[in-house]
Amino acid sequence: MMKVRPSKLLDWPLSKYLILGCSLLVIGYSSSEAAEPLPLTSSYWRDASFQKSFNGSYRIEARIEPSVSTEERGLLVEVQGLMEKGERKSALSKVKGSALTAKSAALKFNLGNLQFEEGELEESIKAYEEALKMYPSFRRAHRNLAMAQVRKGELKEALEHLIEAMQLGDADGATYGLLGYCRLQRGEWASALQAYRMAQLSQPETAEWKAGVAQCLQNLNARDEAVAMLDEVIRQRPEEASYASLQASILIELGRQEEAVKALELPRRLGRLDGEGLLLLADLHLRGQRPMDAREAVDEAFALEQKPGMDRVLSVVASAMMLKDWELAGVLVEKAKPEEGDGPRGLRLASARLKIESKSAVEEGAAELGKLLEEDPTDGLVLMALARHESGRGDAGKAELLFERATAVSETAADAWVELARLKVDQQRYEAALEAVDRALEIRPGGELVAYRDALTNLVEASR
């Protein structure tokens, strides 16, 4: 049988595949994950369109809602007078202290409104629910109960009452907007987009609805349109850094990294960019070969009182290690370490990998990987890291056993099969390598690995 050395054609696609598909498993986090849906900003509850919509709910709509007796109407007139003077606490006390309130759906509803405005969400929810027990088709009570539940984070319950309000004829922009928000948080992008666009018909300038549209478009692969929509939002709300961060994440998905940097610089100059945003900016500077700018953004992030989350830290560590910026990776690991204890597994894995990859303390890093594996023998990321270390030091037997163990873990299975293929190619076991590639393609079809398989198939045939 003739001996055939792996060609450059064979090596290139696999190495590229490993960079794209495997290298971030060093840390276990990706810096290109889609942004989480944004929460409603505190600004929304102070926005003029919301205030107009909410204050309108104090008006009685006799056609579709509970009738009001002469005594109840008199009390409501007194309450309205107190509210016009700005004496909301007195108005709240008057409604709460009246004997009429216990038996009146309309008064319970108004009590809920006053409590909502005072920030007493639990009490307002209870009042709205009591009003609905007395009068189940009370449209405004359904809607305002949903508003209170959204503000409290009870989105599943809020969605039910928003739908009920609409079935009873509510077509207010705030109702549609909050419906879109609830759908967005559930990942129902198309339904959320439809609701947000209905909200925009009557509240076209509400920034939250525009941002909601942008998030839906992002997830429906209409990213250019999403970026354009966020331009409008950012012009309205330059002080809200979350919108700039969202736009930056979409620009990254579009491969427009330098534009993403520009998007983040405005809130940074305003001092509004949080630790997460600053580390995203650091990541972008790294990719743009600007390590000093990246280090500056990292220092700013950790100087804030609210430190960045571990996921984002590990994402930037991964980028720094891919670019062999060992110094910055080390700075990040040290800054993220807790004052006491070992820290989370992801950080410990990053630290161990850094010691090995940078060759600063190879044996120490390997020992740390071994300890992590003892604590959890099924951790695929640790198995992969340790296997790569063994392969690098020339122990192909140990590496193969570790990669095989990693194929049994769903999160690392595809990458482990690819690494096994590479290992077997190095040993000129081409048919075994082809089997490993096929196993990887079963889990993660398509991509660069297809080209590698074609080249490997030719090599197998030539070696027979």
Protein backbone atom coordinates (compact mmCIF):
# COMPACT_ATOMS: atom_id res chain seq x y z
CA MET A 1 0.00 0.00 0.00
CA MET A 2 1.36 3.39 -0.97
CA LYS A 3 1.98 5.97 1.73
CA VAL A 4 0.43 9.37 1.13
CA ARG A 5 1.17 12.46 3.21
CA PRO A 6 -1.77 14.76 4.04
CA SER A 7 -1.84 17.53 1.45
CA LYS A 8 -2.25 21.24 2.07
CA LEU A 9 -5.71 20.87 0.54
CA LEU A 10 -6.51 18.40 3.29
CA ASP A 11 -5.05 20.41 6.15
CA TRP A 12 -6.53 23.82 5.37
CA PRO A 13 -10.30 23.20 5.59
CA LEU A 14 -9.99 21.26 8.84
CA SER A 15 -7.83 23.86 10.55
CA LYS A 16 -10.26 26.58 9.45
CA TYR A 17 -13.18 24.51 10.70
CA LEU A 18 -11.51 24.07 14.05
CA ILE A 19 -10.93 27.80 14.38
CA LEU A 20 -14.54 28.58 13.52
CA GLY A 21 -16.20 25.72 15.33
CA CYS A 22 -13.98 24.62 18.16
CA SER A 23 -11.61 27.27 19.41
CA LEU A 24 -14.11 29.06 21.61
CA LEU A 25 -14.71 25.80 23.43
CA VAL A 26 -11.38 26.58 25.09
CA ILE A 27 -13.42 28.85 27.30
CA GLY A 28 -16.91 27.62 26.59
CA TYR A 29 -18.49 30.92 25.59
CA SER A 30 -18.95 32.68 22.26
CA SER A 31 -18.62 36.41 21.74
CA SER A 32 -21.07 36.38 18.85
CA GLU A 33 -24.20 35.12 20.59
CA ALA A 34 -27.41 36.98 19.71
CA ALA A 35 -28.34 39.62 22.21
CA GLU A 36 -30.94 38.81 24.83
CA PRO A 37 -34.28 40.64 24.41
CA LEU A 38 -34.09 44.06 26.05
CA PRO A 39 -36.23 44.75 29.10
CA LEU A 40 -38.56 47.75 29.05
CA THR A 41 -36.55 50.75 30.20
CA SER A 42 -37.61 52.76 33.23
CA SER A 43 -38.09 55.64 30.78
CA TYR A 44 -41.12 53.91 29.26
CA TRP A 45 -43.19 54.23 32.41
CA ARG A 46 -42.49 57.99 32.40
CA ASP A 47 -43.02 58.42 28.67
CA ALA A 48 -45.74 60.85 27.59
CA SER A 49 -47.49 58.24 25.42
CA PHE A 50 -47.73 55.81 28.35
CA GLN A 51 -48.89 58.52 30.76
CA LYS A 52 -51.58 59.60 28.31
CA SER A 53 -52.75 56.04 27.85
CA PHE A 54 -52.71 55.22 31.58
CA ASN A 55 -54.33 58.45 32.75
CA GLY A 56 -57.10 57.92 30.23
CA SER A 57 -58.05 54.79 32.15
CA TYR A 58 -59.48 56.94 34.96
CA ARG A 59 -62.36 57.90 32.64
CA ILE A 60 -65.55 55.91 33.00
CA GLU A 61 -66.72 54.03 29.90
CA ALA A 62 -70.28 53.18 30.75
CA ARG A 63 -71.02 51.18 27.59
CA ILE A 64 -68.64 48.34 28.31
CA GLU A 65 -67.79 48.60 31.99
CA PRO A 66 -69.49 48.56 35.39
CA SER A 67 -72.08 51.20 36.12
CA VAL A 68 -71.35 53.69 38.88
CA SER A 69 -73.86 54.73 41.54
CA THR A 70 -74.42 58.35 42.53
CA GLU A 71 -72.40 57.86 45.72
CA GLU A 72 -69.53 56.22 43.87
CA ARG A 73 -69.52 58.98 41.27
CA GLY A 74 -69.38 61.58 44.04
CA LEU A 75 -66.36 59.87 45.59
CA LEU A 76 -64.62 59.66 42.20
CA VAL A 77 -65.20 63.38 41.63
CA GLU A 78 -63.59 64.14 45.00
CA VAL A 79 -60.66 61.88 44.16
CA GLN A 80 -60.25 63.56 40.79
CA GLY A 81 -60.13 66.94 42.48
CA LEU A 82 -57.37 65.76 44.81
CA MET A 83 -55.40 64.33 41.89
CA GLU A 84 -55.67 67.59 39.95
CA LYS A 85 -54.06 69.30 42.95
CA GLY A 86 -51.29 66.69 42.92
CA GLU A 87 -52.46 65.19 46.21
CA ARG A 88 -52.27 61.55 45.10
CA LYS A 89 -51.55 60.13 48.54
CA SER A 90 -54.67 61.84 49.91
CA ALA A 91 -56.66 60.50 46.97
CA LEU A 92 -55.34 56.99 47.66
CA SER A 93 -56.24 57.22 51.34
CA LYS A 94 -59.75 58.45 50.50
CA VAL A 95 -60.50 55.54 48.15
CA LYS A 96 -58.88 52.98 50.41
CA GLY A 97 -60.77 54.22 53.45
CA SER A 98 -64.21 54.36 51.85
CA ALA A 99 -66.76 51.65 52.71
CA LEU A 100 -68.01 51.90 49.12
CA THR A 101 -64.74 50.52 47.69
CA ALA A 102 -65.20 47.00 49.07
CA LYS A 103 -68.29 46.42 46.88
CA SER A 104 -67.48 48.52 43.81
CA ALA A 105 -65.52 47.20 40.83
CA ALA A 106 -65.03 50.77 39.57
CA LEU A 107 -63.60 51.97 42.88
CA LYS A 108 -61.38 48.89 43.22
CA PHE A 109 -60.08 49.63 39.75
CA ASN A 110 -59.31 53.24 40.62
CA LEU A 111 -57.65 52.07 43.83
CA GLY A 112 -55.43 49.83 41.70
CA ASN A 113 -54.55 52.77 39.46
CA LEU A 114 -53.52 54.96 42.39
CA GLN A 115 -51.46 52.16 43.90
CA PHE A 116 -49.79 51.53 40.55
CA GLU A 117 -48.77 55.18 40.31
CA GLU A 118 -47.35 55.01 43.82
CA GLY A 119 -45.26 51.98 42.85
CA GLU A 120 -47.28 49.61 45.05
CA LEU A 121 -47.40 46.86 42.42
CA GLU A 122 -48.47 43.94 44.63
CA GLU A 123 -51.35 45.99 46.04
CA SER A 124 -52.42 47.29 42.63
CA ILE A 125 -52.47 43.77 41.16
CA LYS A 126 -54.64 42.61 44.04
CA ALA A 127 -57.04 45.54 43.54
CA TYR A 128 -57.36 44.91 39.79
CA GLU A 129 -57.97 41.21 40.39
CA GLU A 130 -60.69 42.01 42.91
CA ALA A 131 -62.31 44.38 40.41
CA LEU A 132 -62.32 41.60 37.81
CA LYS A 133 -63.92 39.16 40.23
CA MET A 134 -66.79 41.61 40.58
CA TYR A 135 -66.94 42.42 36.87
CA PRO A 136 -65.06 39.84 34.69
CA SER A 137 -65.46 41.79 31.43
CA PHE A 138 -63.94 44.99 32.84
CA ARG A 139 -61.72 45.85 29.87
CA ARG A 140 -59.53 48.53 31.44
CA ALA A 141 -58.98 46.35 34.51
CA HIS A 142 -57.62 43.58 32.30
CA ARG A 143 -55.30 45.99 30.55
CA ASN A 144 -54.04 47.80 33.66
CA LEU A 145 -53.59 44.52 35.51
CA ALA A 146 -51.39 43.42 32.59
CA MET A 147 -49.39 46.66 32.86
CA ALA A 148 -48.73 46.04 36.54
CA GLN A 149 -47.76 42.42 35.84
CA VAL A 150 -45.36 43.43 33.07
CA ARG A 151 -43.73 45.95 35.38
CA LYS A 152 -43.39 43.22 38.01
CA GLY A 153 -42.00 40.73 35.47
CA GLU A 154 -45.00 38.39 35.45
CA LEU A 155 -45.16 38.20 31.66
CA LYS A 156 -47.10 34.95 31.25
CA GLU A 157 -49.96 36.27 33.36
CA ALA A 158 -49.80 39.68 31.69
CA LEU A 159 -50.12 38.14 28.22
CA GLU A 160 -53.41 36.48 29.15
CA HIS A 161 -54.94 39.76 30.31
CA LEU A 162 -53.64 41.73 27.31
CA ILE A 163 -55.32 39.24 24.98
CA GLU A 164 -58.53 39.42 27.03
CA ALA A 165 -58.50 43.23 26.85
CA MET A 166 -58.13 43.08 23.07
CA GLN A 167 -60.95 40.58 22.76
CA LEU A 168 -63.07 43.09 24.67
CA GLY A 169 -62.20 45.77 22.10
CA ASP A 170 -59.01 47.43 23.38
CA ALA A 171 -56.92 48.80 20.50
CA ASP A 172 -54.65 51.17 22.44
CA GLY A 173 -51.03 51.47 21.33
CA ALA A 174 -49.74 50.64 24.82
CA THR A 175 -51.75 47.41 24.84
CA TYR A 176 -50.34 46.32 21.50
CA GLY A 177 -46.83 47.39 22.50
CA LEU A 178 -46.90 45.40 25.73
CA LEU A 179 -48.33 42.44 23.84
CA GLY A 180 -45.33 42.69 21.49
CA TYR A 181 -43.00 42.88 24.46
CA CYS A 182 -44.45 39.73 26.03
CA ARG A 183 -44.24 37.88 22.71
CA LEU A 184 -40.65 39.05 22.21
CA GLN A 185 -39.56 37.70 25.58
CA ARG A 186 -41.04 34.32 24.55
CA GLY A 187 -39.05 34.32 21.30
CA GLU A 188 -42.21 34.62 19.17
CA TRP A 189 -40.57 37.03 16.74
CA ALA A 190 -43.18 37.20 13.98
CA SER A 191 -46.11 37.64 16.37
CA ALA A 192 -44.17 40.23 18.38
CA LEU A 193 -43.33 42.17 15.21
CA GLN A 194 -46.98 42.29 14.19
CA ALA A 195 -48.00 43.59 17.63
CA TYR A 196 -45.24 46.21 17.74
CA ARG A 197 -46.21 47.52 14.32
CA MET A 198 -49.83 47.82 15.43
CA ALA A 199 -48.61 49.78 18.47
CA GLN A 200 -46.68 52.13 16.20
CA LEU A 201 -49.87 53.13 14.37
CA SER A 202 -51.09 55.13 17.37
CA GLN A 203 -47.76 55.63 19.21
CA PRO A 204 -45.23 56.05 16.37
CA GLU A 205 -42.63 57.88 18.45
CA THR A 206 -42.43 55.44 21.37
CA ALA A 207 -38.78 54.32 21.44
CA GLU A 208 -39.55 50.99 23.11
CA TRP A 209 -41.81 49.90 20.25
CA LYS A 210 -39.16 50.85 17.67
CA ALA A 211 -36.52 48.91 19.62
CA GLY A 212 -38.90 45.97 19.80
CA VAL A 213 -39.36 46.05 16.03
CA ALA A 214 -35.57 46.10 15.63
CA GLN A 215 -35.10 43.07 17.86
CA CYS A 216 -37.76 41.16 15.93
CA LEU A 217 -36.14 42.08 12.61
CA GLN A 218 -32.76 40.96 13.94
CA ASN A 219 -34.13 37.53 14.76
CA LEU A 220 -36.04 37.33 11.46
CA ASN A 221 -32.80 37.95 9.51
CA ALA A 222 -33.70 41.47 8.42
CA ARG A 223 -30.67 42.95 10.15
CA ASP A 224 -30.04 45.94 7.88
CA GLU A 225 -33.57 47.16 8.53
CA ALA A 226 -33.05 46.55 12.26
CA VAL A 227 -29.91 48.72 12.25
CA ALA A 228 -31.78 51.53 10.48
CA MET A 229 -34.62 51.37 13.00
CA LEU A 230 -32.16 51.55 15.89
CA ASP A 231 -30.60 54.68 14.35
CA GLU A 232 -33.96 56.37 15.02
CA VAL A 233 -34.15 55.01 18.55
CA ILE A 234 -30.62 56.14 19.43
CA ARG A 235 -31.33 59.65 18.13
CA GLN A 236 -34.32 59.76 20.49
CA ARG A 237 -32.59 58.16 23.46
CA PRO A 238 -28.81 58.66 23.20
CA GLU A 239 -28.53 58.24 26.96
CA GLU A 240 -29.88 54.66 26.87
CA ALA A 241 -26.74 52.58 26.24
CA SER A 242 -28.69 49.33 25.84
CA TYR A 243 -29.90 50.44 22.41
CA ALA A 244 -26.35 51.14 21.22
CA SER A 245 -25.22 47.75 22.53
CA LEU A 246 -28.07 46.06 20.69
CA GLN A 247 -27.20 47.85 17.47
CA ALA A 248 -23.54 46.90 17.90
CA SER A 249 -24.45 43.23 18.32
CA ILE A 250 -26.47 43.32 15.08
CA LEU A 251 -23.63 45.09 13.23
CA ILE A 252 -21.26 42.35 14.42
CA GLU A 253 -23.62 39.74 12.96
CA LEU A 254 -23.47 41.67 9.68
CA GLY A 255 -19.68 41.69 9.79
CA ARG A 256 -19.59 45.49 10.16
CA GLN A 257 -17.31 45.53 13.17
CA GLU A 258 -15.91 49.04 12.79
CA GLU A 259 -19.44 50.44 12.64
CA ALA A 260 -20.18 48.49 15.82
CA VAL A 261 -17.25 50.26 17.49
CA LYS A 262 -18.67 53.64 16.46
CA ALA A 263 -22.10 52.66 17.78
CA LEU A 264 -20.63 52.01 21.23
CA GLU A 265 -18.40 55.06 21.39
CA LEU A 266 -21.24 57.59 21.87
CA PRO A 267 -22.64 56.06 25.08
CA ARG A 268 -19.06 55.46 26.21
CA ARG A 269 -18.27 59.19 25.86
CA LEU A 270 -21.50 59.99 27.72
CA GLY A 271 -20.40 57.69 30.54
CA ARG A 272 -23.47 55.50 30.01
CA LEU A 273 -21.87 52.30 28.72
CA ASP A 274 -21.99 49.53 31.32
CA GLY A 275 -19.40 46.84 31.93
CA GLU A 276 -20.97 44.45 29.43
CA GLY A 277 -20.89 47.11 26.72
CA LEU A 278 -17.32 48.11 27.52
CA LEU A 279 -16.14 44.50 27.26
CA LEU A 280 -18.00 44.13 23.97
CA LEU A 281 -16.09 47.21 22.80
CA ALA A 282 -12.85 45.65 24.06
CA ASP A 283 -13.63 42.52 22.06
CA LEU A 284 -14.17 44.60 18.93
CA HIS A 285 -10.90 46.47 19.44
CA LEU A 286 -9.13 43.12 19.79
CA ARG A 287 -10.58 41.93 16.49
CA GLY A 288 -9.50 45.21 14.93
CA GLN A 289 -5.91 44.66 16.09
CA ARG A 290 -6.06 47.53 18.62
CA PRO A 291 -4.85 45.85 21.84
CA MET A 292 -4.16 49.12 23.70
CA ASP A 293 -7.71 50.35 23.08
CA ALA A 294 -9.01 46.95 24.20
CA ARG A 295 -7.01 47.16 27.43
CA GLU A 296 -8.35 50.66 28.10
CA ALA A 297 -11.95 49.46 27.69
CA VAL A 298 -11.27 46.48 29.98
CA ASP A 299 -9.87 48.76 32.69
CA GLU A 300 -12.92 51.03 32.41
CA ALA A 301 -15.27 48.04 32.70
CA PHE A 302 -13.71 46.81 35.93
CA ALA A 303 -13.48 50.32 37.40
CA LEU A 304 -17.29 50.49 37.47
CA GLU A 305 -19.21 49.67 40.61
CA GLN A 306 -21.33 47.16 38.65
CA LYS A 307 -18.79 44.67 37.29
CA PRO A 308 -19.37 42.91 33.95
CA GLY A 309 -20.89 39.43 33.95
CA MET A 310 -18.72 36.33 33.80
CA ASP A 311 -20.10 35.22 30.42
CA ARG A 312 -18.89 38.41 28.76
CA VAL A 313 -15.53 38.26 30.56
CA LEU A 314 -14.91 34.72 29.32
CA SER A 315 -15.97 35.71 25.82
CA VAL A 316 -13.26 38.40 25.67
CA VAL A 317 -10.73 36.01 27.21
CA ALA A 318 -11.54 33.60 24.37
CA SER A 319 -10.96 36.31 21.77
CA ALA A 320 -7.68 37.36 23.39
CA MET A 321 -6.45 33.76 23.43
CA MET A 322 -7.42 33.21 19.80
CA LEU A 323 -5.31 36.24 18.91
CA LYS A 324 -2.52 35.07 21.26
CA ASP A 325 -2.77 38.25 23.32
CA TRP A 326 -1.72 36.41 26.44
CA GLU A 327 -1.19 39.59 28.45
CA LEU A 328 -4.74 40.85 28.01
CA ALA A 329 -6.20 37.38 28.61
CA GLY A 330 -4.23 37.21 31.84
CA VAL A 331 -5.41 40.65 32.94
CA LEU A 332 -9.03 39.64 32.38
CA VAL A 333 -8.66 36.37 34.28
CA GLU A 334 -7.03 38.14 37.23
CA LYS A 335 -9.64 40.93 37.33
CA ALA A 336 -12.49 38.42 37.22
CA LYS A 337 -11.16 36.23 40.05
CA PRO A 338 -13.15 36.51 43.29
CA GLU A 339 -11.39 37.73 46.40
CA GLU A 340 -11.99 34.35 48.02
CA GLY A 341 -12.39 30.86 46.60
CA ASP A 342 -11.53 29.35 43.24
CA GLY A 343 -14.17 31.10 41.17
CA PRO A 344 -16.58 29.51 38.67
CA ARG A 345 -15.51 26.53 36.54
CA GLY A 346 -15.46 28.60 33.35
CA LEU A 347 -12.91 30.97 34.82
CA ARG A 348 -10.80 28.13 36.22
CA LEU A 349 -10.82 26.46 32.80
CA ALA A 350 -9.81 29.73 31.15
CA SER A 351 -6.96 30.15 33.62
CA ALA A 352 -5.71 26.60 33.04
CA ARG A 353 -5.89 26.93 29.27
CA LEU A 354 -4.09 30.26 29.39
CA LYS A 355 -1.18 28.75 31.32
CA ILE A 356 -0.87 25.97 28.76
CA GLU A 357 -1.42 27.99 25.58
CA SER A 358 0.88 30.82 26.63
CA LYS A 359 3.46 28.28 27.85
CA SER A 360 3.81 30.34 31.02
CA ALA A 361 3.03 27.43 33.37
CA VAL A 362 2.19 24.38 31.27
CA GLU A 363 2.37 21.71 33.96
CA GLU A 364 0.45 23.83 36.44
CA GLY A 365 -2.30 24.40 33.86
CA ALA A 366 -2.45 20.68 33.06
CA ALA A 367 -2.76 19.89 36.77
CA GLU A 368 -5.65 22.35 37.07
CA LEU A 369 -7.39 20.66 34.14
CA GLY A 370 -6.90 17.32 35.85
CA LYS A 371 -8.48 18.65 39.02
CA LEU A 372 -11.47 20.00 37.09
CA LEU A 373 -11.90 16.62 35.43
CA GLU A 374 -11.81 14.84 38.79
CA GLU A 375 -14.61 17.10 40.01
CA ASP A 376 -16.72 16.35 36.93
CA PRO A 377 -15.54 13.50 34.66
CA THR A 378 -18.28 14.32 32.13
CA ASP A 379 -17.26 17.94 31.49
CA GLY A 380 -16.74 17.93 27.73
CA LEU A 381 -14.94 21.27 27.64
CA VAL A 382 -12.34 20.08 30.13
CA LEU A 383 -11.96 16.76 28.29
CA MET A 384 -11.32 18.65 25.05
CA ALA A 385 -8.81 21.01 26.67
CA LEU A 386 -6.90 18.17 28.31
CA ALA A 387 -6.97 16.09 25.10
CA ARG A 388 -5.52 18.99 23.11
CA HIS A 389 -2.78 19.35 25.72
CA GLU A 390 -1.90 15.65 25.52
CA SER A 391 -1.90 15.80 21.73
CA GLY A 392 0.38 18.85 21.79
CA ARG A 393 2.89 17.08 24.02
CA GLY A 394 2.91 14.06 21.69
CA ASP A 395 0.84 11.56 23.67
CA ALA A 396 -1.62 10.61 20.90
CA GLY A 397 -2.95 7.62 22.85
CA LYS A 398 -4.11 9.68 25.84
CA ALA A 399 -5.45 12.37 23.55
CA GLU A 400 -7.51 9.88 21.58
CA LEU A 401 -9.06 8.40 24.73
CA LEU A 402 -9.99 11.87 26.01
CA PHE A 403 -11.46 12.97 22.68
CA GLU A 404 -13.51 9.76 22.57
CA ARG A 405 -14.90 10.54 26.01
CA ALA A 406 -15.77 14.05 24.79
CA THR A 407 -17.80 12.58 21.89
CA ALA A 408 -20.26 11.28 24.49
CA VAL A 409 -21.02 14.84 25.67
CA SER A 410 -23.57 16.59 23.46
CA GLU A 411 -22.03 20.08 23.67
CA THR A 412 -18.59 18.89 22.54
CA ALA A 413 -19.43 15.80 20.44
CA ALA A 414 -19.05 17.39 16.98
CA ASP A 415 -15.76 19.10 17.83
CA ALA A 416 -14.40 15.97 19.48
CA TRP A 417 -15.08 13.92 16.34
CA VAL A 418 -13.27 16.56 14.25
CA GLU A 419 -10.28 16.48 16.58
CA LEU A 420 -10.25 12.69 16.38
CA ALA A 421 -10.24 12.95 12.59
CA ARG A 422 -7.25 15.28 12.71
CA LEU A 423 -5.45 12.97 15.10
CA LYS A 424 -6.03 9.95 12.85
CA VAL A 425 -4.89 11.86 9.76
CA ASP A 426 -1.63 12.65 11.54
CA GLN A 427 -1.28 8.88 12.11
CA GLN A 428 -2.16 8.23 8.43
CA ARG A 429 -5.29 6.29 9.52
CA TYR A 430 -7.34 7.88 6.76
CA GLU A 431 -10.34 5.53 6.70
CA ALA A 432 -10.78 5.93 10.48
CA ALA A 433 -10.46 9.69 10.03
CA LEU A 434 -13.18 9.63 7.38
CA GLU A 435 -15.50 7.76 9.77
CA ALA A 436 -14.86 10.40 12.44
CA VAL A 437 -15.63 13.21 9.99
CA ASP A 438 -18.91 11.52 9.04
CA ARG A 439 -19.87 11.32 12.71
CA ALA A 440 -19.14 15.03 13.09
CA LEU A 441 -21.24 15.86 10.01
CA GLU A 442 -24.19 13.91 11.44
CA ILE A 443 -24.19 16.32 14.38
CA ARG A 444 -23.20 19.53 12.58
CA PRO A 445 -23.97 19.25 8.85
CA GLY A 446 -22.44 21.51 6.20
CA GLY A 447 -19.75 24.14 6.47
CA GLU A 448 -16.01 23.80 5.88
CA LEU A 449 -16.04 20.21 7.08
CA VAL A 450 -17.73 19.12 3.82
CA ALA A 451 -14.73 20.31 1.81
CA TYR A 452 -12.43 18.52 4.22
CA ARG A 453 -14.40 15.30 3.81
CA ASP A 454 -14.12 15.51 0.02
CA ALA A 455 -10.35 15.95 0.24
CA LEU A 456 -10.08 13.12 2.75
CA THR A 457 -12.17 10.82 0.54
CA ASN A 458 -9.76 11.42 -2.33
CA LEU A 459 -6.86 10.65 -0.03
CA VAL A 460 -8.46 7.37 1.12
CA GLU A 461 -9.04 6.29 -2.46
CA ALA A 462 -5.49 7.19 -3.45
CA SER A 463 -4.02 5.21 -0.56
CA ARG A 464 -5.80 1.97 -1.49
